[in-house]
């Protein structure tokens, strides 16, 4: 007999809630019972749009005894408070990235969950998509030999040219590392395991930014966090990786993720997506060859980590998009900034287990979407 779906309440009904609600409605292991937002009309609108039966305030959602998991889609600065409130209310929590903006509240979440027998999960879950799961299978099969090095580049000139309200990207707890770094670091750690030491340099290249998008065109932003961050990561397994995240680059030819092995090179897809392409270079062929995706979920599958966590709760197994991995990623990002500020190598106090690969044929959202 199929297990009962895990009941979920969503807090934060902004733009990103659409894809979670769309995919969640197709997942047989999930039942989204409620939408909540400080702006009640937004919660009511999303509940009506996706057939969610309840819409109310965040406090009322946390008090609902039928909800087992809180899905937190609020701004990063609120993640720590909401995560802790959910756990104190006896509910597991699944966060949008990052787990929190500070190590302290994130560590408190993990400790409280451990004491209470609850779960903490966290995006990004793009590492469970068809592209990066194919990369995982290739690495595990020895397709490039033993990985020895990696590079990760995320270059842009910031979101103020297109985002309608870009100020938060330049506040403490954001910037290119905390905004985009989780995608690159989650991909790397899920494939290569934990990082043991980092070295970093970071700077605010332009202390002010002028908004080029409507409706705030022409207004000036004060930059409060580094906008060009470079790090060297020493993995516990021996790989040395270079990571650069920047809001200061108009254009560049170095972009994306590559892993270099003793027998070839693996070119990974954009870690902010779920599909391909995936390419391998082998010295005998002296050419890059595209690899077929060996797993599904190549489309926008945000929420796949939540669906896996729901299955894990019922089965009593570890879930893949774990709070421990998310905390390790958060620790790495802070440590790179610490290294730059303090002028030293920083040894990581945290670690993680590399999540289990998905089984072939696993499907998170098998129910056809009728919307």
Protein backbone atom coordinates (compact mmCIF):
# COMPACT_ATOMS: atom_id res chain seq x y z
CA UNK A 1 0.00 0.00 0.00
CA UNK A 2 1.45 3.44 -0.92
CA UNK A 3 2.48 5.57 2.05
CA UNK A 4 0.48 8.64 3.01
CA UNK A 5 1.78 11.87 1.40
CA UNK A 6 3.78 14.24 3.60
CA UNK A 7 1.76 17.39 4.33
CA UNK A 8 3.47 20.70 3.50
CA UNK A 9 2.80 24.33 4.31
CA UNK A 10 4.49 26.99 2.16
CA UNK A 11 5.63 30.31 3.61
CA UNK A 12 6.56 33.06 1.14
CA UNK A 13 4.35 33.47 -1.93
CA UNK A 14 6.71 35.41 -4.18
CA UNK A 15 7.62 34.56 -7.76
CA UNK A 16 9.61 31.41 -6.95
CA UNK A 17 6.59 29.86 -5.22
CA UNK A 18 5.00 29.21 -8.64
CA UNK A 19 7.41 26.46 -9.67
CA UNK A 20 7.31 24.82 -6.24
CA UNK A 21 3.49 24.82 -6.26
CA UNK A 22 3.33 23.59 -9.85
CA UNK A 23 5.75 20.73 -9.28
CA UNK A 24 4.44 19.99 -5.81
CA UNK A 25 0.95 19.44 -7.18
CA UNK A 26 2.41 16.67 -9.41
CA UNK A 27 4.32 14.86 -6.64
CA UNK A 28 2.41 11.93 -5.11
CA UNK A 29 4.61 12.04 -2.01
CA UNK A 30 3.58 15.63 -1.20
CA UNK A 31 0.31 17.26 -0.22
CA UNK A 32 0.54 21.05 -0.05
CA UNK A 33 -2.12 22.04 2.46
CA UNK A 34 -1.49 25.75 2.94
CA UNK A 35 0.07 28.91 1.55
CA UNK A 36 1.13 31.69 3.90
CA UNK A 37 2.58 35.15 3.46
CA UNK A 38 2.81 38.37 5.46
CA UNK A 39 0.68 39.79 2.63
CA UNK A 40 -2.42 37.63 2.98
CA UNK A 41 -3.74 38.53 -0.47
CA UNK A 42 -0.64 36.95 -2.06
CA UNK A 43 -1.19 33.73 -0.11
CA UNK A 44 -4.86 33.67 -1.12
CA UNK A 45 -4.00 34.26 -4.78
CA UNK A 46 -1.45 31.42 -4.92
CA UNK A 47 -3.74 29.06 -3.03
CA UNK A 48 -6.55 29.75 -5.49
CA UNK A 49 -4.24 29.40 -8.51
CA UNK A 50 -2.89 25.99 -7.49
CA UNK A 51 -5.85 24.49 -5.64
CA UNK A 52 -4.28 24.71 -2.18
CA UNK A 53 -7.05 24.47 0.43
CA UNK A 54 -5.77 26.95 3.04
CA UNK A 55 -4.30 30.45 3.01
CA UNK A 56 -3.31 32.32 6.11
CA UNK A 57 -0.53 34.08 8.02
CA UNK A 58 2.85 32.47 8.73
CA UNK A 59 2.03 32.24 12.44
CA UNK A 60 -1.23 30.43 11.72
CA UNK A 61 0.56 28.03 9.39
CA UNK A 62 3.14 27.20 12.05
CA UNK A 63 0.30 26.48 14.48
CA UNK A 64 -1.53 24.12 12.09
CA UNK A 65 -1.22 20.61 13.58
CA UNK A 66 -1.81 18.90 10.22
CA UNK A 67 1.32 20.32 8.57
CA UNK A 68 4.44 18.15 8.85
CA UNK A 69 6.95 20.15 6.77
CA UNK A 70 7.35 23.90 6.34
CA UNK A 71 8.62 24.98 2.91
CA UNK A 72 10.36 28.33 3.48
CA UNK A 73 10.52 30.49 0.34
CA UNK A 74 11.05 33.82 2.09
CA UNK A 75 14.04 36.14 1.68
CA UNK A 76 17.39 34.72 2.89
CA UNK A 77 17.55 37.07 5.88
CA UNK A 78 14.40 35.40 7.29
CA UNK A 79 15.47 31.78 6.80
CA UNK A 80 17.10 31.36 10.19
CA UNK A 81 14.14 32.71 12.16
CA UNK A 82 11.52 30.81 10.17
CA UNK A 83 13.49 27.57 10.20
CA UNK A 84 13.92 27.69 13.95
CA UNK A 85 10.27 28.63 14.50
CA UNK A 86 9.14 25.69 12.37
CA UNK A 87 11.34 23.23 14.23
CA UNK A 88 10.18 24.57 17.60
CA UNK A 89 6.62 24.02 16.40
CA UNK A 90 7.48 20.36 15.81
CA UNK A 91 7.73 20.54 12.02
CA UNK A 92 10.53 19.64 9.67
CA UNK A 93 11.69 22.42 7.35
CA UNK A 94 12.87 22.70 3.75
CA UNK A 95 14.55 26.01 2.92
CA UNK A 96 15.21 27.86 -0.28
CA UNK A 97 18.93 28.61 -0.50
CA UNK A 98 20.91 29.55 1.48
CA UNK A 99 20.12 27.66 4.67
CA UNK A 100 20.60 30.93 6.56
CA UNK A 101 22.71 34.04 6.13
CA UNK A 102 24.73 33.25 9.27
CA UNK A 103 26.35 30.11 10.60
CA UNK A 104 24.90 30.46 14.08
CA UNK A 105 21.18 30.14 13.27
CA UNK A 106 21.91 27.43 10.69
CA UNK A 107 23.83 25.39 13.30
CA UNK A 108 20.99 25.88 15.77
CA UNK A 109 18.55 24.50 13.19
CA UNK A 110 20.59 21.34 12.69
CA UNK A 111 21.05 20.84 16.43
CA UNK A 112 17.34 21.34 17.16
CA UNK A 113 16.35 18.98 14.36
CA UNK A 114 18.72 16.33 15.68
CA UNK A 115 17.33 16.64 19.19
CA UNK A 116 13.72 16.51 17.97
CA UNK A 117 13.98 13.79 15.34
CA UNK A 118 12.98 16.27 12.62
CA UNK A 119 14.45 16.97 9.17
CA UNK A 120 16.19 19.99 7.66
CA UNK A 121 16.45 20.13 3.89
CA UNK A 122 17.64 22.90 1.62
CA UNK A 123 17.88 24.01 -1.98
CA UNK A 124 19.45 24.12 -4.43
CA UNK A 125 18.31 20.73 -5.60
CA UNK A 126 19.60 21.17 -9.14
CA UNK A 127 22.26 18.54 -8.35
CA UNK A 128 19.41 15.99 -8.52
CA UNK A 129 18.60 16.95 -12.11
CA UNK A 130 19.39 14.80 -15.11
CA UNK A 131 22.52 16.77 -16.01
CA UNK A 132 24.43 16.65 -12.73
CA UNK A 133 23.23 13.12 -11.88
CA UNK A 134 24.69 12.02 -15.22
CA UNK A 135 27.96 13.73 -14.21
CA UNK A 136 27.85 11.87 -10.89
CA UNK A 137 27.45 8.53 -12.68
CA UNK A 138 30.32 9.31 -15.05
CA UNK A 139 32.66 10.30 -12.21
CA UNK A 140 31.72 7.24 -10.16
CA UNK A 141 32.32 5.01 -13.20
CA UNK A 142 35.83 6.43 -13.66
CA UNK A 143 35.06 8.10 -17.00
CA UNK A 144 37.73 10.79 -16.38
CA UNK A 145 39.90 8.74 -14.05
CA UNK A 146 40.63 10.21 -10.63
CA UNK A 147 39.44 13.84 -10.27
CA UNK A 148 42.36 16.10 -9.41
CA UNK A 149 41.14 19.67 -10.04
CA UNK A 150 38.07 21.75 -10.87
CA UNK A 151 37.09 25.26 -11.89
CA UNK A 152 33.85 27.15 -11.33
CA UNK A 153 33.14 30.60 -12.75
CA UNK A 154 29.98 32.69 -12.35
CA UNK A 155 30.46 36.04 -14.08
CA UNK A 156 27.88 38.79 -14.56
CA UNK A 157 27.66 42.53 -14.13
CA UNK A 158 24.97 42.35 -11.49
CA UNK A 159 21.18 42.34 -11.55
CA UNK A 160 20.55 46.09 -11.41
CA UNK A 161 20.13 46.29 -15.18
CA UNK A 162 17.10 43.96 -15.20
CA UNK A 163 15.79 43.23 -11.69
CA UNK A 164 12.89 45.50 -10.60
CA UNK A 165 14.15 45.70 -7.01
CA UNK A 166 17.88 44.83 -6.96
CA UNK A 167 18.97 46.44 -3.66
CA UNK A 168 18.98 43.20 -1.63
CA UNK A 169 21.58 41.65 -3.97
CA UNK A 170 24.12 44.15 -2.61
CA UNK A 171 23.32 43.78 1.08
CA UNK A 172 25.16 41.68 3.67
CA UNK A 173 24.18 38.04 3.19
CA UNK A 174 23.85 38.41 -0.57
CA UNK A 175 26.35 39.42 -3.24
CA UNK A 176 27.44 37.00 -5.97
CA UNK A 177 28.78 34.39 -3.55
CA UNK A 178 25.69 34.00 -1.38
CA UNK A 179 23.27 34.50 -4.27
CA UNK A 180 24.84 32.16 -6.85
CA UNK A 181 27.60 30.37 -4.96
CA UNK A 182 25.23 27.74 -3.49
CA UNK A 183 24.52 26.35 -6.97
CA UNK A 184 28.21 25.90 -7.80
CA UNK A 185 29.28 24.69 -4.36
CA UNK A 186 26.38 22.27 -3.99
CA UNK A 187 27.22 20.80 -7.39
CA UNK A 188 30.90 20.44 -6.51
CA UNK A 189 30.41 18.98 -3.03
CA UNK A 190 27.70 16.57 -4.20
CA UNK A 191 30.15 15.26 -6.83
CA UNK A 192 33.48 15.50 -4.98
CA UNK A 193 32.61 15.43 -1.28
CA UNK A 194 33.50 17.89 1.49
CA UNK A 195 36.01 20.74 1.47
CA UNK A 196 38.68 20.79 4.18
CA UNK A 197 40.32 24.22 3.63
CA UNK A 198 39.74 27.43 1.69
CA UNK A 199 41.69 30.53 0.73
CA UNK A 200 39.92 33.59 -0.60
CA UNK A 201 40.07 37.17 -1.79
CA UNK A 202 37.03 39.44 -2.01
CA UNK A 203 36.42 43.08 -2.79
CA UNK A 204 33.76 45.70 -3.36
CA UNK A 205 34.82 46.94 -6.79
CA UNK A 206 32.20 49.71 -7.09
CA UNK A 207 30.87 51.22 -3.85
CA UNK A 208 27.72 52.45 -5.60
CA UNK A 209 25.52 51.05 -8.37
CA UNK A 210 22.96 52.84 -10.56
CA UNK A 211 19.73 50.98 -11.24
CA UNK A 212 19.00 50.60 -14.93
CA UNK A 213 15.66 48.79 -14.67
CA UNK A 214 12.14 50.03 -14.09
CA UNK A 215 10.53 51.20 -11.89
CA UNK A 216 13.61 52.47 -10.01
CA UNK A 217 15.77 53.51 -12.99
CA UNK A 218 18.39 56.10 -12.07
CA UNK A 219 18.38 55.48 -8.32
CA UNK A 220 21.74 54.78 -6.65
CA UNK A 221 22.46 51.71 -4.52
CA UNK A 222 25.07 51.51 -1.79
CA UNK A 223 27.04 48.26 -2.01
CA UNK A 224 27.51 46.59 1.39
CA UNK A 225 29.02 43.21 0.46
CA UNK A 226 31.86 42.04 -1.82
CA UNK A 227 30.94 41.88 -5.49
CA UNK A 228 33.99 39.95 -6.77
CA UNK A 229 34.94 36.87 -4.75
CA UNK A 230 37.69 34.39 -5.65
CA UNK A 231 38.43 31.23 -3.70
CA UNK A 232 40.66 28.18 -3.77
CA UNK A 233 39.07 25.06 -2.29
CA UNK A 234 41.05 22.08 -1.01
CA UNK A 235 38.73 19.07 -0.95
CA UNK A 236 39.18 16.32 1.61
CA UNK A 237 39.54 13.84 -1.25
CA UNK A 238 42.48 15.71 -2.77
CA UNK A 239 40.84 17.82 -5.50
CA UNK A 240 41.90 21.48 -5.70
CA UNK A 241 39.19 23.77 -7.12
CA UNK A 242 39.10 27.43 -8.16
CA UNK A 243 35.82 29.31 -7.64
CA UNK A 244 35.07 32.86 -8.83
CA UNK A 245 31.71 34.60 -8.39
CA UNK A 246 31.36 38.15 -9.65
CA UNK A 247 28.91 40.98 -10.25
CA UNK A 248 31.75 43.01 -11.84
CA UNK A 249 32.29 41.31 -15.21
CA UNK A 250 30.50 42.49 -18.36
CA UNK A 251 31.59 39.48 -20.40
CA UNK A 252 34.06 36.63 -20.21
CA UNK A 253 34.93 33.36 -21.92
CA UNK A 254 35.51 31.47 -18.68
CA UNK A 255 32.11 30.37 -17.39
CA UNK A 256 30.60 27.32 -15.78
CA UNK A 257 31.96 24.17 -14.18
CA UNK A 258 34.71 21.78 -15.27
CA UNK A 259 36.29 18.83 -13.46
CA UNK A 260 39.72 17.60 -14.55
CA UNK A 261 40.74 13.99 -14.05
CA UNK A 262 43.77 11.80 -14.67
CA UNK A 263 42.13 10.45 -17.86
CA UNK A 264 40.06 13.33 -19.19
CA UNK A 265 37.95 16.43 -18.58
CA UNK A 266 34.27 16.63 -17.65
CA UNK A 267 32.35 19.77 -18.68
CA UNK A 268 29.28 20.16 -16.50
CA UNK A 269 26.02 21.96 -17.27
CA UNK A 270 25.00 25.25 -15.68
CA UNK A 271 24.37 24.26 -12.03
CA UNK A 272 21.39 26.64 -11.90
CA UNK A 273 19.60 24.30 -14.32
CA UNK A 274 18.54 20.66 -14.25
CA UNK A 275 19.49 19.42 -17.72
CA UNK A 276 22.59 19.33 -19.94
CA UNK A 277 24.73 19.53 -21.89
CA UNK A 278 27.38 17.21 -20.44
CA UNK A 279 30.66 16.77 -22.32
CA UNK A 280 33.81 14.66 -21.88
CA UNK A 281 37.25 15.26 -23.39
CA UNK A 282 39.55 12.26 -23.61
CA UNK A 283 43.14 12.58 -24.84
CA UNK A 284 42.84 9.65 -27.27
CA UNK A 285 39.98 11.31 -29.17
CA UNK A 286 41.32 14.87 -28.70
CA UNK A 287 37.79 16.20 -28.88
CA UNK A 288 34.83 16.96 -26.64
CA UNK A 289 31.98 14.46 -26.95
CA UNK A 290 28.50 15.19 -25.63
CA UNK A 291 27.16 12.53 -23.29
CA UNK A 292 23.51 11.42 -23.27
CA UNK A 293 21.65 12.17 -20.06
CA UNK A 294 21.17 8.95 -18.12
CA UNK A 295 18.55 10.40 -15.76
CA UNK A 296 15.28 12.32 -16.00
CA UNK A 297 14.32 15.68 -14.54
CA UNK A 298 16.08 17.75 -17.19
CA UNK A 299 13.28 20.36 -17.07
CA UNK A 300 12.80 22.89 -14.27
CA UNK A 301 12.35 20.46 -11.36
CA UNK A 302 12.64 22.76 -8.36
CA UNK A 303 11.11 20.91 -5.48
CA UNK A 304 12.70 17.57 -6.39
CA UNK A 305 14.73 17.79 -3.17
CA UNK A 306 11.55 18.29 -1.16
CA UNK A 307 9.91 15.30 -2.88
CA UNK A 308 12.96 13.17 -2.07
CA UNK A 309 12.86 14.38 1.55
CA UNK A 310 9.19 13.38 1.79
CA UNK A 311 10.02 9.88 0.55
CA UNK A 312 12.93 9.72 2.98
CA UNK A 313 10.71 10.70 5.92
CA UNK A 314 8.30 7.85 5.17
CA UNK A 315 11.09 5.34 4.40
CA UNK A 316 13.32 6.32 7.32
CA UNK A 317 16.38 6.92 5.12
CA UNK A 318 18.63 10.00 4.72
CA UNK A 319 17.38 12.63 2.28
CA UNK A 320 19.74 13.97 -0.37
CA UNK A 321 19.32 17.77 -0.25
CA UNK A 322 20.32 17.70 3.40
CA UNK A 323 20.75 20.42 5.97
CA UNK A 324 24.26 19.13 6.64
CA UNK A 325 25.31 19.68 3.03
CA UNK A 326 23.64 23.10 2.97
CA UNK A 327 25.43 24.06 6.20
CA UNK A 328 28.76 22.93 4.76
CA UNK A 329 28.14 25.09 1.67
CA UNK A 330 27.23 28.05 3.91
CA UNK A 331 30.39 27.46 5.95
CA UNK A 332 32.52 27.42 2.78
CA UNK A 333 31.06 30.73 1.59
CA UNK A 334 31.67 32.43 4.93
CA UNK A 335 35.15 30.91 5.17
CA UNK A 336 36.16 32.38 1.79
CA UNK A 337 35.14 35.84 3.02
CA UNK A 338 36.86 35.19 6.37
CA UNK A 339 40.06 34.21 4.56
CA UNK A 340 40.08 37.43 2.54
CA UNK A 341 39.39 39.60 5.57
CA UNK A 342 41.92 37.86 7.84
CA UNK A 343 44.64 37.08 5.29
CA UNK A 344 44.98 33.36 6.04
CA UNK A 345 43.94 29.86 5.06
CA UNK A 346 40.73 28.83 6.82
CA UNK A 347 40.17 25.21 7.84
CA UNK A 348 36.54 24.14 7.65
CA UNK A 349 34.96 23.11 10.93
CA UNK A 350 32.02 21.49 9.12
CA UNK A 351 31.85 18.44 6.88
CA UNK A 352 29.22 16.37 5.09
CA UNK A 353 28.54 13.00 3.51
CA UNK A 354 28.28 12.95 -0.27
CA UNK A 355 24.57 12.32 -0.96
CA UNK A 356 23.58 9.01 -2.49
CA UNK A 357 23.00 9.09 -6.26
CA UNK A 358 19.44 8.81 -7.51
CA UNK A 359 18.39 5.33 -8.66
CA UNK A 360 17.84 4.91 -12.39
CA UNK A 361 14.26 5.62 -13.40
CA UNK A 362 13.35 7.50 -10.22
CA UNK A 363 10.57 10.01 -10.83
CA UNK A 364 9.58 12.83 -8.46
CA UNK A 365 6.68 14.28 -10.42
CA UNK A 366 4.95 11.45 -12.32
CA UNK A 367 1.46 13.00 -12.25
CA UNK A 368 0.68 14.85 -15.48
CA UNK A 369 0.36 18.59 -15.03
CA UNK A 370 -3.04 19.81 -16.19
CA UNK A 371 -2.38 23.53 -15.72
